[in-house]
Protein backbone atom coordinates (compact mmCIF):
# COMPACT_ATOMS: atom_id res chain seq x y z
CA MET A 1 -6.40 20.06 -16.75
CA ALA A 2 -2.90 20.26 -16.02
CA GLY A 3 -1.17 21.58 -12.79
CA ASN A 4 -4.65 20.60 -11.28
CA THR A 5 -4.05 17.50 -9.60
CA LYS A 6 -6.37 15.85 -6.47
CA VAL A 7 -4.39 14.17 -3.83
CA ARG A 8 -6.46 11.43 -2.71
CA SER A 9 -6.16 10.11 0.88
CA ARG A 10 -6.85 7.01 2.03
CA ALA A 11 -10.11 7.34 4.66
CA MET A 12 -9.41 5.40 7.89
CA SER A 13 -12.29 3.41 9.07
CA ILE A 14 -12.51 1.10 12.17
CA ASP A 15 -15.23 -0.89 13.90
CA ALA A 16 -15.82 -1.64 17.21
CA ARG A 17 -14.09 -5.08 16.91
CA THR A 18 -11.25 -4.13 15.78
CA PHE A 19 -10.91 -1.01 18.25
CA GLY A 20 -11.47 -3.68 20.98
CA GLU A 21 -8.47 -5.59 19.70
CA ILE A 22 -6.03 -2.44 19.59
CA CYS A 23 -7.34 -1.79 23.50
CA ASN A 24 -6.62 -5.71 23.92
CA ASP A 25 -3.04 -5.77 22.06
CA VAL A 26 -2.57 -2.19 24.03
CA TRP A 27 -3.45 -4.02 27.39
CA ARG A 28 -1.15 -7.10 26.47
CA ASP A 29 1.74 -4.94 26.05
CA ARG A 30 0.92 -2.71 28.88
CA GLU A 31 4.28 -3.58 30.81
CA ALA A 32 6.27 -2.06 27.99
CA ILE A 33 4.15 0.71 27.49
CA VAL A 34 4.05 1.78 31.07
CA PHE A 35 7.71 1.24 31.42
CA ARG A 36 8.40 3.77 28.66
CA ARG A 37 5.71 6.59 29.69
CA GLY A 38 8.18 8.92 30.48
CA ILE A 39 6.63 11.83 32.15
CA VAL A 40 2.93 10.82 31.33
CA THR A 41 0.69 8.84 33.83
CA GLY A 42 0.35 5.23 33.25
CA GLU A 43 -3.20 5.89 31.95
CA ALA A 44 -1.99 8.34 29.84
CA ALA A 45 0.51 6.14 28.29
CA LEU A 46 -1.80 3.67 27.65
CA VAL A 47 -4.29 5.86 25.97
CA ARG A 48 -1.59 7.28 23.90
CA ALA A 49 -0.53 4.01 22.79
CA VAL A 50 -3.99 3.44 21.40
CA TYR A 51 -3.77 6.74 19.81
CA TRP A 52 -0.67 5.88 17.97
CA ARG A 53 -2.17 2.36 17.29
CA LEU A 54 -5.00 4.14 15.70
CA CYS A 55 -2.81 6.10 13.43
CA LYS A 56 -0.88 3.15 12.24
CA ALA A 57 -3.81 1.44 11.51
CA GLY A 58 -5.18 4.29 9.41
CA GLY A 59 -1.70 5.37 8.10
CA LYS A 60 1.38 6.73 9.34
CA PRO A 61 1.48 9.66 11.78
CA GLY A 62 3.71 12.68 11.45
CA ARG A 63 5.42 11.73 14.44
CA SER A 64 6.55 8.64 16.61
CA MET A 65 5.45 8.36 19.88
CA ASP A 66 8.61 9.03 21.52
CA ASP A 67 8.89 12.23 20.16
CA CYS A 68 5.61 13.42 21.31
CA ASP A 69 5.58 16.30 23.57
CA ALA A 70 2.81 18.11 22.56
CA VAL A 71 -0.07 16.12 24.38
CA ARG A 72 1.00 14.93 27.83
CA SER A 73 -2.31 14.35 29.41
CA SER A 74 -4.61 10.96 29.54
CA LEU A 75 -8.19 13.21 28.86
CA THR A 76 -6.43 14.62 26.00
CA TYR A 77 -5.69 11.67 24.01
CA GLN A 78 -9.15 10.39 25.58
CA LEU A 79 -10.30 13.73 23.52
CA VAL A 80 -8.17 12.47 20.37
CA VAL A 81 -9.07 9.05 20.49
CA GLY A 82 -12.71 9.75 20.82
CA SER A 83 -12.50 12.35 18.10
CA MET A 84 -10.50 9.90 15.76
CA LEU A 85 -13.38 7.64 16.26
CA GLU A 86 -16.27 10.00 15.55
CA LEU A 87 -14.69 10.44 12.11
CA CYS A 88 -13.44 6.80 11.09
CA ALA A 89 -15.72 4.39 13.16
CA ARG A 90 -17.84 2.54 10.29
CA PRO A 91 -20.49 1.47 11.43
CA ARG A 92 -20.32 4.32 14.37
CA PHE A 93 -20.01 2.94 17.94
CA ASP A 94 -19.04 4.83 21.09
CA GLY A 95 -15.34 3.68 21.71
CA ALA A 96 -15.55 5.53 25.29
CA PRO A 97 -16.68 2.43 27.30
CA ILE A 98 -13.79 0.14 25.46
CA LEU A 99 -11.40 2.43 26.31
CA ASN A 100 -12.68 3.31 29.66
CA GLU A 101 -12.27 -0.44 30.52
CA LEU A 102 -8.67 -0.27 29.35
CA VAL A 103 -7.94 2.36 32.03
CA HIS A 104 -10.14 0.95 34.54
CA ARG A 105 -8.37 -2.65 34.22
CA TYR A 106 -5.04 -0.99 34.72
CA ARG A 107 -6.05 1.40 37.76
CA GLN A 108 -7.41 -2.08 38.99
CA GLU A 109 -4.05 -3.38 38.39
CA LEU A 110 -2.08 -1.03 39.84
CA ALA A 111 -4.08 -0.79 43.13
CA GLU A 112 -3.78 -4.34 43.56
CA SER A 113 0.16 -4.23 43.24
CA HIS A 114 0.38 -1.92 45.76
């Protein structure tokens, strides 16, 4: 039927190994990420970077990380990343321990530097 065009969207799928690699990449890039964090905490900046890298893995986000001002807290980003994983993880896995480890490593490094 003319006019009934279906738009197909590519569904994102991610496994625990790939998510772990994203978090490790964020850890590797942490100095630049934390340096450019703006008004958010270092933890929020790291989790935000994980979020945007998840977006990049599944398609282009609507806005760039630098332009994002709607979400400012680490907890909110953790919830968003968790929601993305609920929808996209194949096979399903709990990404919270991997994400928590990233934040824990950051906190530990921060404590050791002071």
